[in-house]
């Protein structure tokens, strides 16, 4: 789940929880909104973790040169 999808789920969940006054017999819309907000928050935390904190190490080649003599004069 990406960060954008998580923010979308949090937004839809908040709309269902706080703005929708409709009710069905089998489904509590407020509970569905709360579940969407919780899943979106968890996805946001994991998305931020995997995007920014757990980056793979960059492929760097470190080369050390040991020179016994001074560099040649160029002038």
PDB file of N, CA and C in Angstrom:
ATOM      1  N   UNK A   1       0.860  -1.160   0.000  1.00  0.00           N
ATOM      2  CA  UNK A   1       0.000   0.000   0.000  1.00  0.00           C
ATOM      3  C   UNK A   1       0.915   1.235   0.000  1.00  0.00           C
ATOM      4  N   UNK A   2       0.636   2.126  -0.913  1.00  0.00           N
ATOM      5  CA  UNK A   2       1.459   3.322  -0.996  1.00  0.00           C
ATOM      6  C   UNK A   2       0.939   4.399  -0.039  1.00  0.00           C
ATOM      7  N   UNK A   3       1.709   5.466   0.063  1.00  0.00           N
ATOM      8  CA  UNK A   3       1.340   6.555   0.953  1.00  0.00           C
ATOM      9  C   UNK A   3       0.059   7.230   0.458  1.00  0.00           C
ATOM     10  N   UNK A   4      -0.073   7.395  -0.848  1.00  0.00           N
ATOM     11  CA  UNK A   4      -1.273   8.015  -1.412  1.00  0.00           C
ATOM     12  C   UNK A   4      -2.526   7.190  -1.155  1.00  0.00           C
ATOM     13  N   UNK A   5      -2.412   5.887  -1.296  1.00  0.00           N
ATOM     14  CA  UNK A   5      -3.552   5.006  -1.025  1.00  0.00           C
ATOM     15  C   UNK A   5      -3.942   5.072   0.449  1.00  0.00           C
ATOM     16  N   UNK A   6      -2.952   5.139   1.314  1.00  0.00           N
ATOM     17  CA  UNK A   6      -3.237   5.236   2.752  1.00  0.00           C
ATOM     18  C   UNK A   6      -3.963   6.533   3.084  1.00  0.00           C
ATOM     19  N   UNK A   7      -3.504   7.637   2.504  1.00  0.00           N
ATOM     20  CA  UNK A   7      -4.185   8.912   2.746  1.00  0.00           C
ATOM     21  C   UNK A   7      -5.613   8.897   2.203  1.00  0.00           C
ATOM     22  N   UNK A   8      -5.814   8.249   1.069  1.00  0.00           N
ATOM     23  CA  UNK A   8      -7.157   8.119   0.504  1.00  0.00           C
ATOM     24  C   UNK A   8      -8.062   7.312   1.432  1.00  0.00           C
ATOM     25  N   UNK A   9      -7.539   6.205   1.974  1.00  0.00           N
ATOM     26  CA  UNK A   9      -8.343   5.380   2.886  1.00  0.00           C
ATOM     27  C   UNK A   9      -8.685   6.140   4.164  1.00  0.00           C
ATOM     28  N   UNK A  10      -7.739   6.921   4.688  1.00  0.00           N
ATOM     29  CA  UNK A  10      -8.012   7.718   5.884  1.00  0.00           C
ATOM     30  C   UNK A  10      -9.093   8.744   5.588  1.00  0.00           C
ATOM     31  N   UNK A  11      -9.028   9.379   4.417  1.00  0.00           N
ATOM     32  CA  UNK A  11     -10.023  10.385   4.043  1.00  0.00           C
ATOM     33  C   UNK A  11     -11.405   9.783   3.888  1.00  0.00           C
ATOM     34  N   UNK A  12     -11.498   8.672   3.174  1.00  0.00           N
ATOM     35  CA  UNK A  12     -12.803   8.013   2.982  1.00  0.00           C
ATOM     36  C   UNK A  12     -13.350   7.529   4.323  1.00  0.00           C
ATOM     37  N   UNK A  13     -12.472   6.994   5.166  1.00  0.00           N
ATOM     38  CA  UNK A  13     -12.901   6.546   6.487  1.00  0.00           C
ATOM     39  C   UNK A  13     -13.428   7.681   7.350  1.00  0.00           C
ATOM     40  N   UNK A  14     -12.760   8.832   7.284  1.00  0.00           N
ATOM     41  CA  UNK A  14     -13.223   9.989   8.066  1.00  0.00           C
ATOM     42  C   UNK A  14     -14.559  10.501   7.545  1.00  0.00           C
ATOM     43  N   UNK A  15     -14.731  10.483   6.230  1.00  0.00           N
ATOM     44  CA  UNK A  15     -16.019  10.903   5.666  1.00  0.00           C
ATOM     45  C   UNK A  15     -17.127   9.957   6.102  1.00  0.00           C
ATOM     46  N   UNK A  16     -16.872   8.660   6.047  1.00  0.00           N
ATOM     47  CA  UNK A  16     -17.900   7.695   6.469  1.00  0.00           C
ATOM     48  C   UNK A  16     -18.174   7.791   7.969  1.00  0.00           C
ATOM     49  N   UNK A  17     -17.147   8.045   8.734  1.00  0.00           N
ATOM     50  CA  UNK A  17     -17.323   8.073  10.198  1.00  0.00           C
ATOM     51  C   UNK A  17     -18.040   9.338  10.667  1.00  0.00           C
ATOM     52  N   UNK A  18     -17.673  10.501  10.108  1.00  0.00           N
ATOM     53  CA  UNK A  18     -18.154  11.748  10.675  1.00  0.00           C
ATOM     54  C   UNK A  18     -19.175  12.493   9.823  1.00  0.00           C
ATOM     55  N   UNK A  19     -19.260  12.209   8.520  1.00  0.00           N
ATOM     56  CA  UNK A  19     -20.120  13.023   7.662  1.00  0.00           C
ATOM     57  C   UNK A  19     -21.355  12.295   7.148  1.00  0.00           C
ATOM     58  N   UNK A  20     -21.339  10.988   7.157  1.00  0.00           N
ATOM     59  CA  UNK A  20     -22.469  10.236   6.610  1.00  0.00           C
ATOM     60  C   UNK A  20     -23.441   9.907   7.738  1.00  0.00           C
ATOM     61  N   UNK A  21     -24.689  10.278   7.531  1.00  0.00           N
ATOM     62  CA  UNK A  21     -25.729  10.029   8.537  1.00  0.00           C
ATOM     63  C   UNK A  21     -26.610   8.835   8.156  1.00  0.00           C
ATOM     64  N   UNK A  22     -26.293   8.176   7.080  1.00  0.00           N
ATOM     65  CA  UNK A  22     -27.109   7.067   6.598  1.00  0.00           C
ATOM     66  C   UNK A  22     -26.847   5.828   7.452  1.00  0.00           C
ATOM     67  N   UNK A  23     -27.842   4.968   7.565  1.00  0.00           N
ATOM     68  CA  UNK A  23     -27.656   3.731   8.316  1.00  0.00           C
ATOM     69  C   UNK A  23     -28.337   2.587   7.577  1.00  0.00           C
ATOM     70  N   UNK A  24     -27.687   1.439   7.628  1.00  0.00           N
ATOM     71  CA  UNK A  24     -28.240   0.215   7.052  1.00  0.00           C
ATOM     72  C   UNK A  24     -28.464  -0.773   8.186  1.00  0.00           C
ATOM     73  N   UNK A  25     -29.294  -1.755   7.912  1.00  0.00           N
ATOM     74  CA  UNK A  25     -29.582  -2.741   8.956  1.00  0.00           C
ATOM     75  C   UNK A  25     -28.376  -3.649   9.217  1.00  0.00           C
ATOM     76  N   UNK A  26     -27.666  -4.032   8.172  1.00  0.00           N
ATOM     77  CA  UNK A  26     -26.591  -5.016   8.319  1.00  0.00           C
ATOM     78  C   UNK A  26     -25.216  -4.380   8.529  1.00  0.00           C
ATOM     79  N   UNK A  27     -25.069  -3.095   8.186  1.00  0.00           N
ATOM     80  CA  UNK A  27     -23.748  -2.471   8.224  1.00  0.00           C
ATOM     81  C   UNK A  27     -23.810  -1.182   9.024  1.00  0.00           C
ATOM     82  N   UNK A  28     -22.891  -1.042   9.949  1.00  0.00           N
ATOM     83  CA  UNK A  28     -22.752   0.215  10.675  1.00  0.00           C
ATOM     84  C   UNK A  28     -21.698   1.048   9.950  1.00  0.00           C
ATOM     85  N   UNK A  29     -22.119   2.127   9.290  1.00  0.00           N
ATOM     86  CA  UNK A  29     -21.237   2.934   8.450  1.00  0.00           C
ATOM     87  C   UNK A  29     -20.146   3.590   9.291  1.00  0.00           C
ATOM     88  N   UNK A  30     -20.445   3.945  10.502  1.00  0.00           N
ATOM     89  CA  UNK A  30     -19.460   4.559  11.377  1.00  0.00           C
ATOM     90  C   UNK A  30     -18.324   3.583  11.696  1.00  0.00           C
ATOM     91  N   UNK A  31     -18.652   2.320  11.914  1.00  0.00           N
ATOM     92  CA  UNK A  31     -17.634   1.311  12.192  1.00  0.00           C
ATOM     93  C   UNK A  31     -16.779   1.042  10.962  1.00  0.00           C
ATOM     94  N   UNK A  32     -17.384   1.011   9.797  1.00  0.00           N
ATOM     95  CA  UNK A  32     -16.631   0.835   8.554  1.00  0.00           C
ATOM     96  C   UNK A  32     -15.659   1.997   8.363  1.00  0.00           C
ATOM     97  N   UNK A  33     -16.089   3.206   8.655  1.00  0.00           N
ATOM     98  CA  UNK A  33     -15.204   4.364   8.570  1.00  0.00           C
ATOM     99  C   UNK A  33     -14.038   4.275   9.525  1.00  0.00           C
ATOM    100  N   UNK A  34     -14.308   3.824  10.741  1.00  0.00           N
ATOM    101  CA  UNK A  34     -13.242   3.674  11.724  1.00  0.00           C
ATOM    102  C   UNK A  34     -12.229   2.625  11.274  1.00  0.00           C
ATOM    103  N   UNK A  35     -12.710   1.510  10.743  1.00  0.00           N
ATOM    104  CA  UNK A  35     -11.816   0.458  10.253  1.00  0.00           C
ATOM    105  C   UNK A  35     -10.964   0.978   9.104  1.00  0.00           C
ATOM    106  N   UNK A  36     -11.568   1.724   8.186  1.00  0.00           N
ATOM    107  CA  UNK A  36     -10.798   2.285   7.080  1.00  0.00           C
ATOM    108  C   UNK A  36      -9.732   3.271   7.567  1.00  0.00           C
ATOM    109  N   UNK A  37     -10.059   4.069   8.560  1.00  0.00           N
ATOM    110  CA  UNK A  37      -9.079   5.010   9.088  1.00  0.00           C
ATOM    111  C   UNK A  37      -7.921   4.276   9.770  1.00  0.00           C
ATOM    112  N   UNK A  38      -8.216   3.218  10.519  1.00  0.00           N
ATOM    113  CA  UNK A  38      -7.160   2.470  11.196  1.00  0.00           C
ATOM    114  C   UNK A  38      -6.251   1.749  10.204  1.00  0.00           C
ATOM    115  N   UNK A  39      -6.849   1.116   9.198  1.00  0.00           N
ATOM    116  CA  UNK A  39      -6.047   0.428   8.190  1.00  0.00           C
ATOM    117  C   UNK A  39      -5.225   1.434   7.383  1.00  0.00           C
ATOM    118  N   UNK A  40      -5.799   2.575   7.070  1.00  0.00           N
ATOM    119  CA  UNK A  40      -5.062   3.618   6.364  1.00  0.00           C
ATOM    120  C   UNK A  40      -3.910   4.159   7.185  1.00  0.00           C
ATOM    121  N   UNK A  41      -4.106   4.344   8.478  1.00  0.00           N
ATOM    122  CA  UNK A  41      -3.027   4.830   9.346  1.00  0.00           C
ATOM    123  C   UNK A  41      -1.901   3.805   9.441  1.00  0.00           C
ATOM    124  N   UNK A  42      -2.255   2.533   9.560  1.00  0.00           N
ATOM    125  CA  UNK A  42      -1.240   1.483   9.587  1.00  0.00           C
ATOM    126  C   UNK A  42      -0.476   1.431   8.264  1.00  0.00           C
ATOM    127  N   UNK A  43      -1.193   1.532   7.157  1.00  0.00           N
ATOM    128  CA  UNK A  43      -0.541   1.550   5.853  1.00  0.00           C
ATOM    129  C   UNK A  43       0.345   2.768   5.675  1.00  0.00           C
ATOM    130  N   UNK A  44      -0.074   3.906   6.212  1.00  0.00           N
ATOM    131  CA  UNK A  44       0.745   5.120   6.125  1.00  0.00           C
ATOM    132  C   UNK A  44       2.043   4.957   6.906  1.00  0.00           C
ATOM    133  N   UNK A  45       1.953   4.402   8.083  1.00  0.00           N
ATOM    134  CA  UNK A  45       3.152   4.189   8.907  1.00  0.00           C
ATOM    135  C   UNK A  45       4.103   3.216   8.208  1.00  0.00           C
ATOM    136  N   UNK A  46       3.573   2.120   7.690  1.00  0.00           N
ATOM    137  CA  UNK A  46       4.426   1.155   6.992  1.00  0.00           C
ATOM    138  C   UNK A  46       4.992   1.736   5.698  1.00  0.00           C
ATOM    139  N   UNK A  47       4.189   2.522   4.987  1.00  0.00           N
ATOM    140  CA  UNK A  47       4.669   3.138   3.760  1.00  0.00           C
ATOM    141  C   UNK A  47       5.803   4.111   4.016  1.00  0.00           C
ATOM    142  N   UNK A  48       5.681   4.920   5.052  1.00  0.00           N
ATOM    143  CA  UNK A  48       6.755   5.843   5.408  1.00  0.00           C
ATOM    144  C   UNK A  48       7.992   5.072   5.857  1.00  0.00           C
ATOM    145  N   UNK A  49       7.793   4.016   6.600  1.00  0.00           N
ATOM    146  CA  UNK A  49       8.925   3.207   7.064  1.00  0.00           C
ATOM    147  C   UNK A  49       9.687   2.612   5.891  1.00  0.00           C
ATOM    148  N   UNK A  50       8.976   1.990   4.959  1.00  0.00           N
ATOM    149  CA  UNK A  50       9.650   1.339   3.844  1.00  0.00           C
ATOM    150  C   UNK A  50      10.192   2.339   2.827  1.00  0.00           C
ATOM    151  N   UNK A  51       9.624   3.530   2.756  1.00  0.00           N
ATOM    152  CA  UNK A  51      10.093   4.511   1.789  1.00  0.00           C
ATOM    153  C   UNK A  51      11.304   5.277   2.294  1.00  0.00           C
ATOM    154  N   UNK A  52      11.266   5.742   3.521  1.00  0.00           N
ATOM    155  CA  UNK A  52      12.300   6.649   3.991  1.00  0.00           C
ATOM    156  C   UNK A  52      13.298   6.022   4.955  1.00  0.00           C
ATOM    157  N   UNK A  53      12.862   5.162   5.820  1.00  0.00           N
ATOM    158  CA  UNK A  53      13.745   4.661   6.867  1.00  0.00           C
ATOM    159  C   UNK A  53      14.507   3.419   6.417  1.00  0.00           C
ATOM    160  N   UNK A  54      13.854   2.517   5.765  1.00  0.00           N
ATOM    161  CA  UNK A  54      14.472   1.252   5.396  1.00  0.00           C
ATOM    162  C   UNK A  54      14.913   1.284   3.941  1.00  0.00           C
ATOM    163  N   UNK A  55      15.798   2.181   3.632  1.00  0.00           N
ATOM    164  CA  UNK A  55      16.331   2.265   2.283  1.00  0.00           C
ATOM    165  C   UNK A  55      17.461   1.260   2.124  1.00  0.00           C
ATOM    166  N   UNK A  56      17.594   0.697   0.943  1.00  0.00           N
ATOM    167  CA  UNK A  56      18.743  -0.184   0.731  1.00  0.00           C
ATOM    168  C   UNK A  56      20.026   0.635   0.673  1.00  0.00           C
ATOM    169  N   UNK A  57      21.096   0.013   1.057  1.00  0.00           N
ATOM    170  CA  UNK A  57      22.384   0.705   1.048  1.00  0.00           C
ATOM    171  C   UNK A  57      22.778   1.015  -0.394  1.00  0.00           C
ATOM    172  N   UNK A  58      23.297   2.194  -0.635  1.00  0.00           N
ATOM    173  CA  UNK A  58      23.696   2.536  -1.998  1.00  0.00           C
ATOM    174  C   UNK A  58      24.893   1.706  -2.432  1.00  0.00           C
ATOM    175  N   UNK A  59      24.958   1.449  -3.717  1.00  0.00           N
ATOM    176  CA  UNK A  59      26.062   0.677  -4.270  1.00  0.00           C
ATOM    177  C   UNK A  59      27.251   1.612  -4.458  1.00  0.00           C
ATOM    178  N   UNK A  60      28.145   1.593  -3.516  1.00  0.00           N
ATOM    179  CA  UNK A  60      29.330   2.441  -3.565  1.00  0.00           C
ATOM    180  C   UNK A  60      30.572   1.568  -3.676  1.00  0.00           C
ATOM    181  N   UNK A  61      31.436   2.008  -4.488  1.00  0.00           N
ATOM    182  CA  UNK A  61      32.724   1.347  -4.598  1.00  0.00           C
ATOM    183  C   UNK A  61      33.757   2.286  -4.001  1.00  0.00           C
ATOM    184  N   UNK A  62      34.378   1.833  -2.960  1.00  0.00           N
ATOM    185  CA  UNK A  62      35.392   2.638  -2.298  1.00  0.00           C
ATOM    186  C   UNK A  62      36.749   2.088  -2.713  1.00  0.00           C
ATOM    187  N   UNK A  63      37.542   2.975  -3.274  1.00  0.00           N
ATOM    188  CA  UNK A  63      38.859   2.561  -3.743  1.00  0.00           C
ATOM    189  C   UNK A  63      39.907   3.427  -3.066  1.00  0.00           C
ATOM    190  N   UNK A  64      40.866   2.791  -2.475  1.00  0.00           N
ATOM    191  CA  UNK A  64      41.947   3.521  -1.835  1.00  0.00           C
ATOM    192  C   UNK A  64      43.229   3.268  -2.625  1.00  0.00           C
ATOM    193  N   UNK A  65      43.926   4.344  -2.885  1.00  0.00           N
ATOM    194  CA  UNK A  65      45.192   4.230  -3.598  1.00  0.00           C
ATOM    195  C   UNK A  65      46.303   4.721  -2.680  1.00  0.00           C
ATOM    196  N   UNK A  66      47.334   3.951  -2.629  1.00  0.00           N
ATOM    197  CA  UNK A  66      48.500   4.324  -1.847  1.00  0.00           C
ATOM    198  C   UNK A  66      49.626   4.626  -2.827  1.00  0.00           C
ATOM    199  N   UNK A  67      50.137   5.836  -2.748  1.00  0.00           N
ATOM    200  CA  UNK A  67      51.181   6.274  -3.666  1.00  0.00           C
ATOM    201  C   UNK A  67      52.443   6.549  -2.848  1.00  0.00           C
ATOM    202  N   UNK A  68      53.554   5.974  -3.302  1.00  0.00           N
ATOM    203  CA  UNK A  68      54.817   6.148  -2.595  1.00  0.00           C
ATOM    204  C   UNK A  68      55.571   7.392  -3.047  1.00  0.00           C
ATOM    205  N   UNK A  69      55.314   7.847  -4.240  1.00  0.00           N
ATOM    206  CA  UNK A  69      56.062   8.993  -4.761  1.00  0.00           C
ATOM    207  C   UNK A  69      55.127  10.171  -4.969  1.00  0.00           C
ATOM    208  N   UNK A  70      55.641  11.389  -4.969  1.00  0.00           N
ATOM    209  CA  UNK A  70      54.780  12.560  -5.166  1.00  0.00           C
ATOM    210  C   UNK A  70      54.260  12.626  -6.603  1.00  0.00           C
ATOM    211  N   UNK A  71      53.192  13.350  -6.821  1.00  0.00           N
ATOM    212  CA  UNK A  71      52.651  13.456  -8.179  1.00  0.00           C
ATOM    213  C   UNK A  71      53.615  14.215  -9.094  1.00  0.00           C
ATOM    214  N   UNK A  72      53.571  13.953 -10.387  1.00  0.00           N
ATOM    215  CA  UNK A  72      54.488  14.633 -11.303  1.00  0.00           C
ATOM    216  C   UNK A  72      54.116  16.099 -11.465  1.00  0.00           C
ATOM    217  N   UNK A  73      55.113  16.909 -11.805  1.00  0.00           N
ATOM    218  CA  UNK A  73      54.881  18.338 -12.033  1.00  0.00           C
ATOM    219  C   UNK A  73      54.185  18.521 -13.372  1.00  0.00           C
ATOM    220  N   UNK A  74      53.157  19.299 -13.379  1.00  0.00           N
ATOM    221  CA  UNK A  74      52.414  19.533 -14.622  1.00  0.00           C
ATOM    222  C   UNK A  74      52.784  20.862 -15.267  1.00  0.00           C
ATOM    223  N   UNK A  75      53.530  21.701 -14.623  1.00  0.00           N
ATOM    224  CA  UNK A  75      53.845  23.008 -15.179  1.00  0.00           C
ATOM    225  C   UNK A  75      55.225  23.058 -15.739  1.00  0.00           C
TER     226      UNK A  75
END
